[in-house]
C-alpha atoms as a PDB file:
ATOM      1  CA  UNK A   1     149.294  13.555 112.041  1.00  0.00           C
ATOM      2  CA  UNK A   2     151.064  11.164 109.683  1.00  0.00           C
ATOM      3  CA  UNK A   3     152.906   7.862 109.906  1.00  0.00           C
ATOM      4  CA  UNK A   4     155.410   5.909 107.895  1.00  0.00           C
ATOM      5  CA  UNK A   5     154.225   2.323 107.721  1.00  0.00           C
ATOM      6  CA  UNK A   6     155.461  -0.804 105.959  1.00  0.00           C
ATOM      7  CA  UNK A   7     152.738  -2.384 103.827  1.00  0.00           C
ATOM      8  CA  UNK A   8     153.391  -5.413 101.605  1.00  0.00           C
ATOM      9  CA  UNK A   9     157.163  -4.895 101.686  1.00  0.00           C
ATOM     10  CA  UNK A  10     157.045  -1.164 100.818  1.00  0.00           C
ATOM     11  CA  UNK A  11     157.109   1.928 103.019  1.00  0.00           C
ATOM     12  CA  UNK A  12     154.364   4.534 102.702  1.00  0.00           C
ATOM     13  CA  UNK A  13     153.803   7.923 104.306  1.00  0.00           C
ATOM     14  CA  UNK A  14     150.116   7.861 105.246  1.00  0.00           C
ATOM     15  CA  UNK A  15     147.633  10.169 106.935  1.00  0.00           C
ATOM     16  CA  UNK A  16     144.053   9.626 108.114  1.00  0.00           C
ATOM     17  CA  UNK A  17     141.434   9.379 105.303  1.00  0.00           C
ATOM     18  CA  UNK A  18     144.147   9.016 102.636  1.00  0.00           C
ATOM     19  CA  UNK A  19     143.707   6.548  99.756  1.00  0.00           C
ATOM     20  CA  UNK A  20     146.771   4.476  98.932  1.00  0.00           C
ATOM     21  CA  UNK A  21     147.467   1.952  96.164  1.00  0.00           C
ATOM     22  CA  UNK A  22     149.592  -0.948  97.483  1.00  0.00           C
ATOM     23  CA  UNK A  23     150.632  -4.340  96.148  1.00  0.00           C
ATOM     24  CA  UNK A  24     147.739  -6.825  96.167  1.00  0.00           C
ATOM     25  CA  UNK A  25     146.725  -7.781  99.700  1.00  0.00           C
ATOM     26  CA  UNK A  26     145.228 -11.178 100.559  1.00  0.00           C
ATOM     27  CA  UNK A  27     142.140  -9.554 102.113  1.00  0.00           C
ATOM     28  CA  UNK A  28     138.667  -9.370 100.625  1.00  0.00           C
ATOM     29  CA  UNK A  29     137.172  -6.071  99.475  1.00  0.00           C
ATOM     30  CA  UNK A  30     135.382  -4.183 102.252  1.00  0.00           C
ATOM     31  CA  UNK A  31     137.334  -5.888 105.061  1.00  0.00           C
ATOM     32  CA  UNK A  32     139.400  -3.999 107.625  1.00  0.00           C
ATOM     33  CA  UNK A  33     143.091  -4.662 108.072  1.00  0.00           C
ATOM     34  CA  UNK A  34     145.704  -3.355 110.491  1.00  0.00           C
ATOM     35  CA  UNK A  35     149.446  -2.887 110.036  1.00  0.00           C
ATOM     36  CA  UNK A  36     151.735  -3.266 113.054  1.00  0.00           C
ATOM     37  CA  UNK A  37     154.972  -2.335 111.320  1.00  0.00           C
ATOM     38  CA  UNK A  38     154.844   1.428 111.996  1.00  0.00           C
ATOM     39  CA  UNK A  39     158.297   2.962 111.559  1.00  0.00           C
ATOM     40  CA  UNK A  40     157.565   6.618 112.417  1.00  0.00           C
ATOM     41  CA  UNK A  41     154.683   8.677 113.790  1.00  0.00           C
ATOM     42  CA  UNK A  42     154.567  12.461 113.672  1.00  0.00           C
ATOM     43  CA  UNK A  43     151.938  14.393 115.656  1.00  0.00           C
ATOM     44  CA  UNK A  44     152.671  18.082 115.218  1.00  0.00           C
ATOM     45  CA  UNK A  45     156.064  18.745 116.794  1.00  0.00           C
ATOM     46  CA  UNK A  46     156.238  15.322 118.469  1.00  0.00           C
ATOM     47  CA  UNK A  47     158.040  12.698 116.350  1.00  0.00           C
ATOM     48  CA  UNK A  48     158.377   9.070 117.468  1.00  0.00           C
ATOM     49  CA  UNK A  49     160.853   6.849 115.647  1.00  0.00           C
ATOM     50  CA  UNK A  50     160.912   3.074 116.032  1.00  0.00           C
ATOM     51  CA  UNK A  51     163.894   0.782 116.111  1.00  0.00           C
ATOM     52  CA  UNK A  52     162.857  -0.732 113.682  1.00  0.00           C
ATOM     53  CA  UNK A  53     159.126  -0.525 114.562  1.00  0.00           C
ATOM     54  CA  UNK A  54     157.236   1.357 117.255  1.00  0.00           C
ATOM     55  CA  UNK A  55     155.855  -1.002 119.894  1.00  0.00           C
ATOM     56  CA  UNK A  56     152.121  -0.561 120.419  1.00  0.00           C
ATOM     57  CA  UNK A  57     151.594   1.561 117.295  1.00  0.00           C
ATOM     58  CA  UNK A  58     149.127   0.483 114.640  1.00  0.00           C
ATOM     59  CA  UNK A  59     147.623   1.784 111.410  1.00  0.00           C
ATOM     60  CA  UNK A  60     144.073   0.669 110.622  1.00  0.00           C
ATOM     61  CA  UNK A  61     142.834   0.564 107.033  1.00  0.00           C
ATOM     62  CA  UNK A  62     139.953  -0.715 104.916  1.00  0.00           C
ATOM     63  CA  UNK A  63     140.385  -2.454 101.550  1.00  0.00           C
ATOM     64  CA  UNK A  64     138.235  -0.593  99.021  1.00  0.00           C
ATOM     65  CA  UNK A  65     138.900  -2.640  95.877  1.00  0.00           C
ATOM     66  CA  UNK A  66     141.362  -4.788  93.989  1.00  0.00           C
ATOM     67  CA  UNK A  67     142.472  -3.669  90.561  1.00  0.00           C
ATOM     68  CA  UNK A  68     145.272  -3.831  88.005  1.00  0.00           C
ATOM     69  CA  UNK A  69     147.646  -0.960  87.375  1.00  0.00           C
ATOM     70  CA  UNK A  70     148.468   0.650  84.048  1.00  0.00           C
ATOM     71  CA  UNK A  71     150.094  -1.521  81.415  1.00  0.00           C
ATOM     72  CA  UNK A  72     153.841  -1.139  81.155  1.00  0.00           C
ATOM     73  CA  UNK A  73     155.583  -2.152  77.916  1.00  0.00           C
ATOM     74  CA  UNK A  74     159.054  -3.689  78.161  1.00  0.00           C
ATOM     75  CA  UNK A  75     160.852  -3.664  74.802  1.00  0.00           C
ATOM     76  CA  UNK A  76     164.343  -5.074  74.404  1.00  0.00           C
ATOM     77  CA  UNK A  77     166.363  -4.761  71.218  1.00  0.00           C
ATOM     78  CA  UNK A  78     169.925  -5.349  70.118  1.00  0.00           C
ATOM     79  CA  UNK A  79     170.695  -3.521  66.923  1.00  0.00           C
ATOM     80  CA  UNK A  80     172.010  -5.380  63.893  1.00  0.00           C
ATOM     81  CA  UNK A  81     171.395  -8.728  65.621  1.00  0.00           C
ATOM     82  CA  UNK A  82     167.721  -9.334  64.836  1.00  0.00           C
ATOM     83  CA  UNK A  83     166.883  -9.521  68.532  1.00  0.00           C
ATOM     84  CA  UNK A  84     163.589  -7.931  69.582  1.00  0.00           C
ATOM     85  CA  UNK A  85     161.459  -8.911  72.586  1.00  0.00           C
ATOM     86  CA  UNK A  86     158.269  -7.136  73.598  1.00  0.00           C
ATOM     87  CA  UNK A  87     156.619  -7.883  76.964  1.00  0.00           C
ATOM     88  CA  UNK A  88     153.892  -6.215  78.937  1.00  0.00           C
ATOM     89  CA  UNK A  89     153.093  -6.110  82.645  1.00  0.00           C
ATOM     90  CA  UNK A  90     150.141  -4.983  84.748  1.00  0.00           C
ATOM     91  CA  UNK A  91     150.733  -4.881  88.491  1.00  0.00           C
ATOM     92  CA  UNK A  92     148.012  -6.304  90.755  1.00  0.00           C
ATOM     93  CA  UNK A  93     147.076  -3.564  93.249  1.00  0.00           C
ATOM     94  CA  UNK A  94     144.755  -3.013  96.192  1.00  0.00           C
ATOM     95  CA  UNK A  95     143.257   0.372  96.975  1.00  0.00           C
ATOM     96  CA  UNK A  96     143.045   1.013 100.715  1.00  0.00           C
ATOM     97  CA  UNK A  97     141.865   3.959 102.786  1.00  0.00           C
ATOM     98  CA  UNK A  98     143.604   4.761 106.056  1.00  0.00           C
ATOM     99  CA  UNK A  99     141.013   4.888 108.844  1.00  0.00           C
ATOM    100  CA  UNK A 100     143.114   5.344 111.981  1.00  0.00           C
ATOM    101  CA  UNK A 101     146.634   5.855 113.260  1.00  0.00           C
ATOM    102  CA  UNK A 102     147.133   4.661 116.841  1.00  0.00           C
ATOM    103  CA  UNK A 103     150.372   5.600 118.587  1.00  0.00           C
ATOM    104  CA  UNK A 104     149.726   3.636 121.805  1.00  0.00           C
ATOM    105  CA  UNK A 105     147.330   0.997 123.045  1.00  0.00           C
ATOM    106  CA  UNK A 106     147.679  -1.585 120.303  1.00  0.00           C
ATOM    107  CA  UNK A 107     149.379  -4.889 120.990  1.00  0.00           C
ATOM    108  CA  UNK A 108     153.140  -4.445 121.090  1.00  0.00           C
ATOM    109  CA  UNK A 109     155.025  -5.736 118.082  1.00  0.00           C
ATOM    110  CA  UNK A 110     157.578  -7.576 120.231  1.00  0.00           C
ATOM    111  CA  UNK A 111     154.837  -9.442 122.146  1.00  0.00           C
ATOM    112  CA  UNK A 112     153.305 -10.550 118.869  1.00  0.00           C
ATOM    113  CA  UNK A 113     156.644 -11.750 117.603  1.00  0.00           C
ATOM    114  CA  UNK A 114     157.330 -13.680 120.807  1.00  0.00           C
ATOM    115  CA  UNK A 115     153.865 -15.276 120.651  1.00  0.00           C
ATOM    116  CA  UNK A 116     154.619 -16.449 117.133  1.00  0.00           C
ATOM    117  CA  UNK A 117     157.966 -17.842 118.277  1.00  0.00           C
ATOM    118  CA  UNK A 118     156.287 -19.750 121.104  1.00  0.00           C
ATOM    119  CA  UNK A 119     153.692 -21.238 118.753  1.00  0.00           C
ATOM    120  CA  UNK A 120     156.307 -22.621 116.355  1.00  0.00           C
ATOM    121  CA  UNK A 121     158.023 -25.699 117.797  1.00  0.00           C
ATOM    122  CA  UNK A 122     161.791 -25.646 117.767  1.00  0.00           C
ATOM    123  CA  UNK A 123     163.557 -28.139 115.578  1.00  0.00           C
ATOM    124  CA  UNK A 124     165.644 -30.599 117.501  1.00  0.00           C
ATOM    125  CA  UNK A 125     168.998 -31.696 116.237  1.00  0.00           C
ATOM    126  CA  UNK A 126     169.035 -35.301 115.057  1.00  0.00           C
ATOM    127  CA  UNK A 127     170.794 -37.610 117.471  1.00  0.00           C
ATOM    128  CA  UNK A 128     173.965 -39.153 116.238  1.00  0.00           C
ATOM    129  CA  UNK A 129     174.020 -42.920 116.144  1.00  0.00           C
ATOM    130  CA  UNK A 130     176.889 -44.429 118.020  1.00  0.00           C
ATOM    131  CA  UNK A 131     179.514 -45.618 115.612  1.00  0.00           C
ATOM    132  CA  UNK A 132     180.433 -49.266 115.921  1.00  0.00           C
ATOM    133  CA  UNK A 133     184.000 -49.951 116.844  1.00  0.00           C
ATOM    134  CA  UNK A 134     186.170 -50.907 113.938  1.00  0.00           C
ATOM    135  CA  UNK A 135     189.083 -53.217 114.506  1.00  0.00           C
ATOM    136  CA  UNK A 136     192.230 -52.092 112.777  1.00  0.00           C
ATOM    137  CA  UNK A 137     194.842 -54.581 111.729  1.00  0.00           C
ATOM    138  CA  UNK A 138     198.407 -53.517 112.069  1.00  0.00           C
ATOM    139  CA  UNK A 139     200.063 -53.435 108.686  1.00  0.00           C
ATOM    140  CA  UNK A 140     203.730 -53.608 107.965  1.00  0.00           C
ATOM    141  CA  UNK A 141     205.147 -50.326 106.748  1.00  0.00           C
ATOM    142  CA  UNK A 142     204.920 -50.007 102.966  1.00  0.00           C
ATOM    143  CA  UNK A 143     207.622 -47.404 102.505  1.00  0.00           C
ATOM    144  CA  UNK A 144     210.119 -50.041 101.535  1.00  0.00           C
ATOM    145  CA  UNK A 145     207.661 -51.647  99.102  1.00  0.00           C
ATOM    146  CA  UNK A 146     207.109 -48.451  97.137  1.00  0.00           C
ATOM    147  CA  UNK A 147     210.821 -48.248  96.331  1.00  0.00           C
ATOM    148  CA  UNK A 148     210.885 -51.783  94.898  1.00  0.00           C
ATOM    149  CA  UNK A 149     210.492 -52.512  91.201  1.00  0.00           C
ATOM    150  CA  UNK A 150     207.543 -54.428  89.800  1.00  0.00           C
ATOM    151  CA  UNK A 151     209.737 -57.510  89.232  1.00  0.00           C
ATOM    152  CA  UNK A 152     210.863 -57.521  92.849  1.00  0.00           C
ATOM    153  CA  UNK A 153     207.250 -57.131  94.037  1.00  0.00           C
ATOM    154  CA  UNK A 154     206.127 -60.054  91.857  1.00  0.00           C
ATOM    155  CA  UNK A 155     208.903 -62.217  93.266  1.00  0.00           C
ATOM    156  CA  UNK A 156     207.889 -61.263  96.804  1.00  0.00           C
ATOM    157  CA  UNK A 157     204.252 -62.074  96.012  1.00  0.00           C
ATOM    158  CA  UNK A 158     205.273 -65.480  94.678  1.00  0.00           C
ATOM    159  CA  UNK A 159     207.084 -66.211  97.928  1.00  0.00           C
ATOM    160  CA  UNK A 160     203.987 -65.312  99.993  1.00  0.00           C
ATOM    161  CA  UNK A 161     201.795 -67.515  97.808  1.00  0.00           C
ATOM    162  CA  UNK A 162     199.747 -64.791  96.075  1.00  0.00           C
ATOM    163  CA  UNK A 163     198.586 -66.036  92.666  1.00  0.00           C
ATOM    164  CA  UNK A 164     197.337 -64.087  89.630  1.00  0.00           C
ATOM    165  CA  UNK A 165     199.727 -61.212  90.055  1.00  0.00           C
ATOM    166  CA  UNK A 166     200.821 -61.054  86.405  1.00  0.00           C
ATOM    167  CA  UNK A 167     198.169 -58.435  85.501  1.00  0.00           C
ATOM    168  CA  UNK A 168     198.351 -56.426  88.725  1.00  0.00           C
ATOM    169  CA  UNK A 169     199.771 -52.910  88.769  1.00  0.00           C
ATOM    170  CA  UNK A 170     202.462 -51.785  91.189  1.00  0.00           C
ATOM    171  CA  UNK A 171     199.973 -50.082  93.551  1.00  0.00           C
ATOM    172  CA  UNK A 172     197.813 -53.197  93.669  1.00  0.00           C
ATOM    173  CA  UNK A 173     200.829 -55.369  94.364  1.00  0.00           C
ATOM    174  CA  UNK A 174     201.837 -53.136  97.252  1.00  0.00           C
ATOM    175  CA  UNK A 175     198.297 -53.296  98.627  1.00  0.00           C
ATOM    176  CA  UNK A 176     198.232 -57.068  98.283  1.00  0.00           C
ATOM    177  CA  UNK A 177     201.566 -57.482 100.034  1.00  0.00           C
ATOM    178  CA  UNK A 178     200.823 -55.172 102.921  1.00  0.00           C
END
């Protein structure tokens, strides 16, 4: 009997009493852990495939120890440019041993997901404040003003009693007159 299970974002083919090195788990050494994301279970000729996970299936494991993987050297170089960079990396790993593979009887994955959804409160959309009514003044059409020259606009402004128009631009004159 074997199963394909997702552990720490990676998929592993596991069997009972098998030791597996996975990315570091947030569980103390010696503690038991279970994985609900079982994608496939094979028991002899009977194969069960999940969509995406099998409801009620579970893989139980025990964390043996935490360790670091082998050192990997990353060396980058661009020839004739004087560019050389040397980095190293050691992956943090956890060694686990698979203790049990349960095809049925564990809590269904969908029920767990729905329980999590119920526990998290839904965000409510912020209420929109009512916009205050804005009064709009009716303005005389400015199409005729845009065709006028600056001199004509200044003369018109003088007639309406607008002062200080000598430094205004044409667009400002049109705005002042409308």
